[in-house]
């Protein structure tokens, strides 16, 4: 019996020690408790720290995506406005013959009005990344019709600039431009020959011109030879034929015939400028008169002998203190000139108003110089803006002065 109790007691002791040790491992052991808490705490804190970094990375990726793939207001409106203009005019290209639609001679105001009308019908979302904030909003805050009209003016000017450059590039590489350049080279050769042999016989002049710019020369033609041979010919009118008959000189040239030869060359220069989009200007030598204008012609002399009445001089000798003053003056405008009427009004205002008057196109110094030039004999003003130039006469010019201005500024707009 005692042995049985002893064995039971030992068994109970073993069970108690096992349970006590289990309780001690979970609650009493300070080191064990600290290790468990430390491990769990570090794991939780480390996860939260990396989660913040991950959130920042995701936000940066999101911002980069919107910055790269989603445009800002200016870029989005530029695309919208360009699409409107391309739909109306056709896309800007440098291929010859592509820009022959309705916008080849379109004005800035025409394109501006069409772009505004095109945008007013565009109520689609302009910036998709902001659409969630304005989906329930009223008034269409995030649409092209609301955001893009302020950008129309600058985009129309940009479109016109691109179209102009594309047009010039296509012109300069066109077959017509190359043909006109060869024609001008032949005309320049004939110009020098016509000035050198102008007073020779008609047959000799024609022979020399044929060798210089005849049908066998690249760019030359029989028409070119005829035009230079007849330039300044007195026989162009009935009185000229009368002069030839009286003088018995069928090769006689009229007064200032050299200017007539220059005018023929200027016409070929204009043809080349129009075909190539260039702005080539002629610098011709000032030619003296072949005869004094104060002397009566042979026809006048014969008529005076028949009637007994003397003809007075057609050009009285007037003393000019500013004899060498230029006939024309070039002026640069600070703002663009839309048309000839605007340029004319700017010149008239500059000459009539005091030089201190505020002007959006000209400075006070320019206006003062223009008024001084006008009082000293300047008869025409050449006003330029960023793309065009206009010829504005302010006094009556002689035929020689008109020819000089036309040759020097062949690509400018005149009324």
Protein backbone atom coordinates (compact mmCIF):
# COMPACT_ATOMS: atom_id res chain seq x y z
CA UNK A 1 0.00 0.00 0.00
CA UNK A 2 2.76 2.40 0.93
CA UNK A 3 4.51 1.56 -2.26
CA UNK A 4 1.42 2.41 -4.27
CA UNK A 5 1.04 5.77 -2.54
CA UNK A 6 4.72 6.55 -3.14
CA UNK A 7 4.40 5.78 -6.80
CA UNK A 8 1.27 7.97 -7.13
CA UNK A 9 2.96 10.83 -5.35
CA UNK A 10 5.96 10.71 -7.65
CA UNK A 11 3.66 10.71 -10.68
CA UNK A 12 1.75 13.72 -9.35
CA UNK A 13 5.02 15.51 -8.69
CA UNK A 14 6.17 14.92 -12.25
CA UNK A 15 2.88 16.32 -13.64
CA UNK A 16 3.09 19.35 -11.36
CA UNK A 17 6.64 20.12 -12.39
CA UNK A 18 5.69 19.87 -16.07
CA UNK A 19 2.71 22.23 -15.70
CA UNK A 20 4.67 24.63 -13.56
CA UNK A 21 7.48 24.78 -16.06
CA UNK A 22 4.95 25.50 -18.84
CA UNK A 23 3.46 28.38 -16.85
CA UNK A 24 6.91 29.70 -16.08
CA UNK A 25 7.89 29.78 -19.75
CA UNK A 26 4.91 31.91 -20.68
CA UNK A 27 4.64 34.31 -17.74
CA UNK A 28 7.54 34.21 -15.32
CA UNK A 29 10.56 34.16 -17.65
CA UNK A 30 11.44 37.80 -18.16
CA UNK A 31 13.95 37.15 -20.88
CA UNK A 32 11.56 34.95 -22.81
CA UNK A 33 8.79 37.51 -22.59
CA UNK A 34 11.06 40.37 -23.79
CA UNK A 35 12.27 38.35 -26.73
CA UNK A 36 8.76 37.56 -27.87
CA UNK A 37 7.55 41.12 -27.58
CA UNK A 38 10.70 42.50 -29.22
CA UNK A 39 10.36 40.23 -32.21
CA UNK A 40 6.71 41.09 -32.78
CA UNK A 41 7.32 44.84 -32.29
CA UNK A 42 10.24 45.04 -34.70
CA UNK A 43 8.34 43.15 -37.35
CA UNK A 44 5.34 45.52 -37.12
CA UNK A 45 7.44 48.73 -37.09
CA UNK A 46 9.56 47.62 -40.04
CA UNK A 47 6.44 46.88 -42.11
CA UNK A 48 4.97 50.34 -41.45
CA UNK A 49 8.20 52.14 -42.43
CA UNK A 50 8.52 50.37 -45.76
CA UNK A 51 4.83 50.92 -46.40
CA UNK A 52 5.35 54.71 -46.30
CA UNK A 53 8.23 54.41 -48.76
CA UNK A 54 6.13 52.23 -50.99
CA UNK A 55 3.29 54.78 -50.89
CA UNK A 56 5.70 57.59 -51.86
CA UNK A 57 7.04 55.46 -54.71
CA UNK A 58 3.52 54.76 -55.97
CA UNK A 59 2.65 58.46 -55.81
CA UNK A 60 5.81 59.38 -57.73
CA UNK A 61 5.00 56.78 -60.37
CA UNK A 62 1.48 58.14 -60.64
CA UNK A 63 2.74 61.73 -61.01
CA UNK A 64 5.30 60.68 -63.60
CA UNK A 65 2.64 58.85 -65.58
CA UNK A 66 0.35 61.87 -65.67
CA UNK A 67 3.23 64.21 -66.47
CA UNK A 68 4.34 62.07 -69.42
CA UNK A 69 1.04 60.78 -70.79
CA UNK A 70 -1.41 63.52 -69.78
CA UNK A 71 -0.85 67.01 -71.22
CA UNK A 72 -1.15 70.34 -69.47
CA UNK A 73 -3.68 72.95 -70.55
CA UNK A 74 -1.39 74.68 -73.07
CA UNK A 75 -0.32 71.43 -74.77
CA UNK A 76 -3.84 70.03 -74.85
CA UNK A 77 -5.26 73.26 -76.31
CA UNK A 78 -2.48 73.45 -78.89
CA UNK A 79 -3.45 70.00 -80.13
CA UNK A 80 -7.14 70.89 -80.19
CA UNK A 81 -6.62 74.14 -82.10
CA UNK A 82 -4.18 72.57 -84.56
CA UNK A 83 -6.70 69.80 -85.29
CA UNK A 84 -9.34 72.45 -85.97
CA UNK A 85 -7.08 74.32 -88.39
CA UNK A 86 -5.88 71.12 -90.04
CA UNK A 87 -9.49 70.07 -90.58
CA UNK A 88 -10.26 73.42 -92.19
CA UNK A 89 -7.06 73.93 -94.21
CA UNK A 90 -5.36 70.59 -94.47
CA UNK A 91 -2.26 69.55 -92.56
CA UNK A 92 0.94 71.59 -92.99
CA UNK A 93 3.28 69.76 -95.35
CA UNK A 94 6.24 70.53 -97.57
CA UNK A 95 5.08 68.31 -100.42
CA UNK A 96 4.54 70.48 -103.54
CA UNK A 97 0.94 70.93 -104.49
CA UNK A 98 -0.58 69.86 -101.18
CA UNK A 99 -1.40 73.34 -99.85
CA UNK A 100 -3.75 74.42 -102.61
CA UNK A 101 -6.99 74.40 -100.60
CA UNK A 102 -9.04 77.22 -99.18
CA UNK A 103 -6.29 78.40 -96.80
CA UNK A 104 -3.66 79.20 -99.42
CA UNK A 105 -4.75 82.84 -99.30
CA UNK A 106 -6.58 82.74 -95.94
CA UNK A 107 -6.27 85.74 -93.63
CA UNK A 108 -5.44 85.64 -89.96
CA UNK A 109 -8.94 86.77 -88.98
CA UNK A 110 -10.55 84.00 -91.05
CA UNK A 111 -8.52 81.30 -89.31
CA UNK A 112 -9.07 82.92 -85.90
CA UNK A 113 -12.85 82.97 -86.30
CA UNK A 114 -12.99 79.38 -87.53
CA UNK A 115 -10.83 78.11 -84.65
CA UNK A 116 -13.12 79.82 -82.12
CA UNK A 117 -16.22 78.32 -83.72
CA UNK A 118 -14.57 74.91 -83.80
CA UNK A 119 -13.68 75.07 -80.10
CA UNK A 120 -17.17 76.18 -79.05
CA UNK A 121 -18.53 72.88 -80.31
CA UNK A 122 -15.86 70.85 -78.48
CA UNK A 123 -17.32 70.00 -75.06
CA UNK A 124 -15.20 66.88 -74.54
CA UNK A 125 -13.00 66.50 -71.47
CA UNK A 126 -9.73 68.35 -72.00
CA UNK A 127 -7.65 66.94 -69.11
CA UNK A 128 -8.69 63.34 -68.24
CA UNK A 129 -6.68 63.24 -65.01
CA UNK A 130 -8.92 65.92 -63.49
CA UNK A 131 -12.18 64.50 -64.77
CA UNK A 132 -13.09 62.76 -61.47
CA UNK A 133 -13.17 66.10 -59.67
CA UNK A 134 -15.38 67.79 -62.26
CA UNK A 135 -17.64 64.93 -63.32
CA UNK A 136 -20.51 66.24 -61.22
CA UNK A 137 -19.60 69.90 -61.70
CA UNK A 138 -21.77 72.27 -63.72
CA UNK A 139 -20.76 74.56 -66.56
CA UNK A 140 -18.22 72.26 -68.23
CA UNK A 141 -15.13 73.47 -66.40
CA UNK A 142 -12.82 70.84 -67.89
CA UNK A 143 -13.64 71.24 -71.60
CA UNK A 144 -11.83 72.69 -74.61
CA UNK A 145 -14.63 75.23 -75.10
CA UNK A 146 -13.98 76.63 -71.63
CA UNK A 147 -10.18 76.52 -71.40
CA UNK A 148 -8.80 76.94 -74.94
CA UNK A 149 -10.08 80.26 -76.43
CA UNK A 150 -7.26 82.32 -74.78
CA UNK A 151 -4.70 80.23 -76.72
CA UNK A 152 -6.26 80.67 -80.17
CA UNK A 153 -4.38 83.84 -81.15
CA UNK A 154 -0.87 82.49 -80.51
CA UNK A 155 -1.66 79.13 -82.10
CA UNK A 156 -3.07 80.77 -85.24
CA UNK A 157 0.13 82.81 -85.58
CA UNK A 158 2.19 79.64 -85.05
CA UNK A 159 0.14 77.82 -87.69
CA UNK A 160 0.56 80.66 -90.19
CA UNK A 161 4.30 80.71 -89.55
CA UNK A 162 4.59 76.95 -90.13
CA UNK A 163 2.41 77.16 -93.23
CA UNK A 164 4.49 80.01 -94.61
CA UNK A 165 7.76 78.17 -94.04
CA UNK A 166 6.36 75.00 -95.60
CA UNK A 167 5.10 77.00 -98.57
CA UNK A 168 8.47 78.69 -99.08
CA UNK A 169 10.31 75.38 -98.80
CA UNK A 170 8.02 73.69 -101.31
CA UNK A 171 8.31 76.66 -103.67
CA UNK A 172 12.09 76.82 -103.54
CA UNK A 173 12.32 73.13 -104.50
CA UNK A 174 9.64 73.18 -107.17
CA UNK A 175 10.28 72.68 -110.88
CA UNK A 176 8.74 76.07 -111.64
CA UNK A 177 11.21 77.81 -109.32
CA UNK A 178 14.19 76.16 -111.02
CA UNK A 179 12.79 77.16 -114.40
CA UNK A 180 12.35 80.78 -113.28
CA UNK A 181 15.89 80.91 -111.89
CA UNK A 182 17.32 79.81 -115.23
CA UNK A 183 15.09 82.35 -116.94
CA UNK A 184 16.40 85.13 -114.70
CA UNK A 185 20.02 84.13 -115.40
CA UNK A 186 19.36 84.39 -119.13
CA UNK A 187 17.57 87.73 -118.64
CA UNK A 188 20.54 89.13 -116.71
CA UNK A 189 22.83 88.16 -119.59
CA UNK A 190 20.51 89.89 -122.07
CA UNK A 191 20.26 92.93 -119.81
CA UNK A 192 23.99 93.59 -119.99
CA UNK A 193 24.03 92.99 -123.75
CA UNK A 194 21.07 95.34 -124.31
CA UNK A 195 22.78 98.14 -122.39
CA UNK A 196 26.05 97.61 -124.29
CA UNK A 197 24.53 97.42 -127.81
CA UNK A 198 21.40 99.51 -127.32
CA UNK A 199 22.45 102.22 -129.77
CA UNK A 200 23.59 99.80 -132.46
CA UNK A 201 21.53 98.66 -135.42
CA UNK A 202 18.50 96.47 -134.79
CA UNK A 203 20.00 93.48 -136.58
CA UNK A 204 23.24 93.62 -134.61
CA UNK A 205 21.40 94.07 -131.29
CA UNK A 206 19.09 91.14 -132.06
CA UNK A 207 22.03 88.93 -133.01
CA UNK A 208 23.88 89.68 -129.79
CA UNK A 209 20.74 89.12 -127.71
CA UNK A 210 20.02 85.82 -129.44
CA UNK A 211 23.49 84.58 -128.56
CA UNK A 212 23.05 85.67 -124.94
CA UNK A 213 19.46 84.58 -124.17
CA UNK A 214 17.99 83.07 -127.31
CA UNK A 215 15.98 79.90 -127.63
CA UNK A 216 19.09 77.68 -127.45
CA UNK A 217 20.24 79.11 -124.10
CA UNK A 218 18.90 77.49 -120.87
CA UNK A 219 16.08 79.74 -119.70
CA UNK A 220 16.17 81.92 -122.79
CA UNK A 221 13.51 82.35 -125.44
CA UNK A 222 12.70 84.33 -128.57
CA UNK A 223 10.19 86.35 -126.54
CA UNK A 224 12.95 87.47 -124.18
CA UNK A 225 15.10 88.60 -127.10
CA UNK A 226 12.20 90.61 -128.53
CA UNK A 227 11.41 92.28 -125.21
CA UNK A 228 14.98 93.44 -124.65
CA UNK A 229 15.42 94.49 -128.28
CA UNK A 230 12.29 96.68 -128.20
CA UNK A 231 12.88 98.14 -124.72
CA UNK A 232 12.91 101.92 -124.95
CA UNK A 233 12.19 101.89 -128.68
CA UNK A 234 10.88 105.26 -129.85
CA UNK A 235 8.65 103.53 -132.39
CA UNK A 236 6.35 102.24 -129.68
CA UNK A 237 3.86 105.03 -130.45
CA UNK A 238 2.86 107.13 -133.45
CA UNK A 239 4.92 110.13 -132.37
CA UNK A 240 7.94 107.90 -132.02
CA UNK A 241 7.53 106.73 -135.62
CA UNK A 242 7.26 110.36 -136.70
CA UNK A 243 10.56 111.06 -134.92
CA UNK A 244 12.18 108.13 -136.72
CA UNK A 245 10.92 109.23 -140.12
CA UNK A 246 12.12 112.81 -139.63
CA UNK A 247 15.55 111.69 -138.40
CA UNK A 248 15.75 108.80 -140.92
CA UNK A 249 17.01 106.63 -138.05
CA UNK A 250 14.91 103.51 -137.58
CA UNK A 251 17.13 102.33 -134.68
CA UNK A 252 16.57 105.39 -132.52
CA UNK A 253 15.97 104.85 -128.83
CA UNK A 254 13.80 107.05 -126.68
CA UNK A 255 14.91 109.08 -123.71
CA UNK A 256 15.79 106.99 -120.60
CA UNK A 257 15.78 103.80 -122.65
CA UNK A 258 18.19 102.26 -120.13
CA UNK A 259 15.46 102.46 -117.49
CA UNK A 260 13.15 100.60 -119.88
CA UNK A 261 15.76 97.83 -120.19
CA UNK A 262 16.00 97.71 -116.39
CA UNK A 263 12.21 97.40 -116.19
CA UNK A 264 12.28 94.33 -118.43
CA UNK A 265 14.83 92.68 -116.14
CA UNK A 266 12.71 93.67 -113.13
CA UNK A 267 9.73 91.83 -114.61
CA UNK A 268 11.75 88.60 -114.81
CA UNK A 269 12.92 89.17 -111.22
CA UNK A 270 9.32 89.44 -110.09
CA UNK A 271 8.45 86.20 -111.90
CA UNK A 272 11.26 84.41 -110.07
CA UNK A 273 10.27 85.90 -106.67
CA UNK A 274 6.68 84.77 -107.08
CA UNK A 275 7.64 81.25 -108.17
CA UNK A 276 10.32 80.69 -105.52
CA UNK A 277 9.00 82.76 -102.62
CA UNK A 278 12.22 84.80 -102.57
CA UNK A 279 12.79 88.50 -102.02
CA UNK A 280 15.49 89.23 -104.58
CA UNK A 281 16.01 92.95 -105.23
CA UNK A 282 17.74 94.60 -108.16
CA UNK A 283 20.49 97.13 -107.70
CA UNK A 284 20.79 98.91 -111.03
CA UNK A 285 23.19 101.69 -111.91
CA UNK A 286 21.67 105.15 -112.25
CA UNK A 287 21.65 105.94 -115.99
CA UNK A 288 21.99 109.44 -117.34
CA UNK A 289 19.52 110.76 -119.87
CA UNK A 290 20.38 110.05 -123.47
CA UNK A 291 19.50 113.62 -124.34
CA UNK A 292 18.79 116.79 -122.42
CA UNK A 293 15.08 117.08 -121.63
CA UNK A 294 15.27 120.86 -121.96
CA UNK A 295 16.07 120.56 -125.68
CA UNK A 296 13.15 120.26 -128.12
CA UNK A 297 12.77 117.06 -130.08
CA UNK A 298 13.10 116.93 -133.84
CA UNK A 299 9.34 116.67 -134.17
CA UNK A 300 8.87 119.81 -132.05
CA UNK A 301 11.46 121.67 -134.12
CA UNK A 302 9.72 120.80 -137.37
CA UNK A 303 6.36 121.78 -135.91
CA UNK A 304 7.76 125.10 -134.66
CA UNK A 305 9.21 125.88 -138.10
CA UNK A 306 5.84 125.11 -139.68
CA UNK A 307 3.75 127.19 -137.24
CA UNK A 308 6.25 129.81 -136.13
CA UNK A 309 5.61 129.08 -132.43
CA UNK A 310 8.43 128.01 -130.13
CA UNK A 311 7.90 125.19 -127.61
CA UNK A 312 8.88 126.03 -124.02
CA UNK A 313 10.91 123.67 -121.90
CA UNK A 314 8.77 120.90 -120.43
CA UNK A 315 10.81 120.64 -117.20
CA UNK A 316 11.62 123.98 -115.58
CA UNK A 317 14.91 124.17 -113.74
CA UNK A 318 14.01 124.28 -110.03
CA UNK A 319 16.75 124.58 -107.46
CA UNK A 320 16.56 121.87 -104.79
CA UNK A 321 18.71 122.30 -101.65
CA UNK A 322 18.39 118.55 -100.92
CA UNK A 323 19.19 117.31 -104.40
CA UNK A 324 20.84 114.08 -103.24
CA UNK A 325 18.14 113.11 -100.74
CA UNK A 326 16.73 109.58 -101.19
CA UNK A 327 13.44 109.17 -103.00
CA UNK A 328 12.33 106.38 -100.62
CA UNK A 329 12.79 105.58 -96.94
CA UNK A 330 12.45 102.21 -95.20
CA UNK A 331 10.68 101.96 -91.82
CA UNK A 332 10.35 98.94 -89.51
CA UNK A 333 7.01 98.57 -87.72
CA UNK A 334 6.90 97.33 -84.13
CA UNK A 335 3.57 95.54 -84.71
CA UNK A 336 2.20 93.48 -87.57
CA UNK A 337 0.29 95.26 -90.34
CA UNK A 338 -2.77 93.33 -91.48
CA UNK A 339 -3.27 94.93 -94.88
CA UNK A 340 -2.34 97.84 -97.14
CA UNK A 341 -4.96 100.18 -95.67
CA UNK A 342 -3.52 99.77 -92.18
CA UNK A 343 -0.01 100.50 -93.46
CA UNK A 344 -1.29 103.59 -95.31
CA UNK A 345 -2.98 104.92 -92.17
CA UNK A 346 0.17 104.36 -90.09
CA UNK A 347 2.29 106.37 -92.56
CA UNK A 348 -0.26 109.18 -92.79
CA UNK A 349 -0.55 109.38 -89.00
CA UNK A 350 3.25 109.46 -88.63
CA UNK A 351 3.54 112.38 -91.07
CA UNK A 352 0.57 114.40 -89.76
CA UNK A 353 0.79 113.92 -85.97
CA UNK A 354 3.50 115.32 -83.69
CA UNK A 355 6.42 112.96 -83.22
CA UNK A 356 5.67 112.73 -79.47
CA UNK A 357 2.27 111.15 -80.13
CA UNK A 358 2.03 107.59 -78.84
CA UNK A 359 1.96 105.06 -81.65
CA UNK A 360 1.74 101.27 -81.42
CA UNK A 361 3.61 100.83 -84.71
CA UNK A 362 6.37 103.49 -84.76
CA UNK A 363 8.61 105.15 -82.20
CA UNK A 364 8.94 108.91 -81.75
CA UNK A 365 12.41 108.84 -83.33
CA UNK A 366 11.08 107.05 -86.41
CA UNK A 367 8.22 109.52 -86.80
CA UNK A 368 10.60 112.48 -86.48
CA UNK A 369 12.96 111.01 -89.10
CA UNK A 370 10.04 110.37 -91.44
CA UNK A 371 8.77 113.94 -91.16
CA UNK A 372 12.28 115.29 -91.80
CA UNK A 373 12.69 113.03 -94.84
CA UNK A 374 9.30 114.10 -96.21
CA UNK A 375 10.22 117.79 -96.04
CA UNK A 376 13.51 117.08 -97.81
CA UNK A 377 12.03 115.29 -100.79
CA UNK A 378 11.24 111.67 -99.87
CA UNK A 379 8.25 110.62 -101.97
CA UNK A 380 7.59 107.05 -100.85
CA UNK A 381 7.93 105.10 -97.59
CA UNK A 382 8.61 101.35 -97.39
CA UNK A 383 7.14 100.06 -94.12
CA UNK A 384 7.92 96.50 -93.03
CA UNK A 385 6.55 94.19 -90.35
CA UNK A 386 7.63 90.68 -89.39
CA UNK A 387 6.43 89.10 -92.65
CA UNK A 388 5.47 91.72 -95.24
CA UNK A 389 6.40 95.11 -96.63
CA UNK A 390 4.21 97.83 -98.13
CA UNK A 391 4.99 100.64 -100.60
CA UNK A 392 3.23 103.84 -99.48
CA UNK A 393 3.72 106.84 -101.84
CA UNK A 394 3.18 110.26 -100.27
CA UNK A 395 3.97 112.43 -103.32
CA UNK A 396 3.76 112.19 -107.09
CA UNK A 397 6.73 110.35 -108.57
CA UNK A 398 8.19 110.48 -112.03
CA UNK A 399 8.25 107.41 -114.22
CA UNK A 400 11.95 106.91 -113.55
CA UNK A 401 11.42 107.11 -109.78
CA UNK A 402 8.51 104.70 -110.00
CA UNK A 403 10.65 102.27 -111.99
CA UNK A 404 13.45 102.56 -109.42
CA UNK A 405 11.14 101.77 -106.49
CA UNK A 406 9.48 98.90 -108.38
CA UNK A 407 12.85 97.32 -109.14
CA UNK A 408 14.29 97.79 -105.66
CA UNK A 409 11.24 96.49 -103.80
CA UNK A 410 9.75 94.06 -106.28
CA UNK A 411 8.34 91.78 -103.58
CA UNK A 412 6.56 94.48 -101.56
CA UNK A 413 2.82 95.12 -101.66
CA UNK A 414 1.65 98.21 -103.51
CA UNK A 415 -1.84 99.47 -104.12
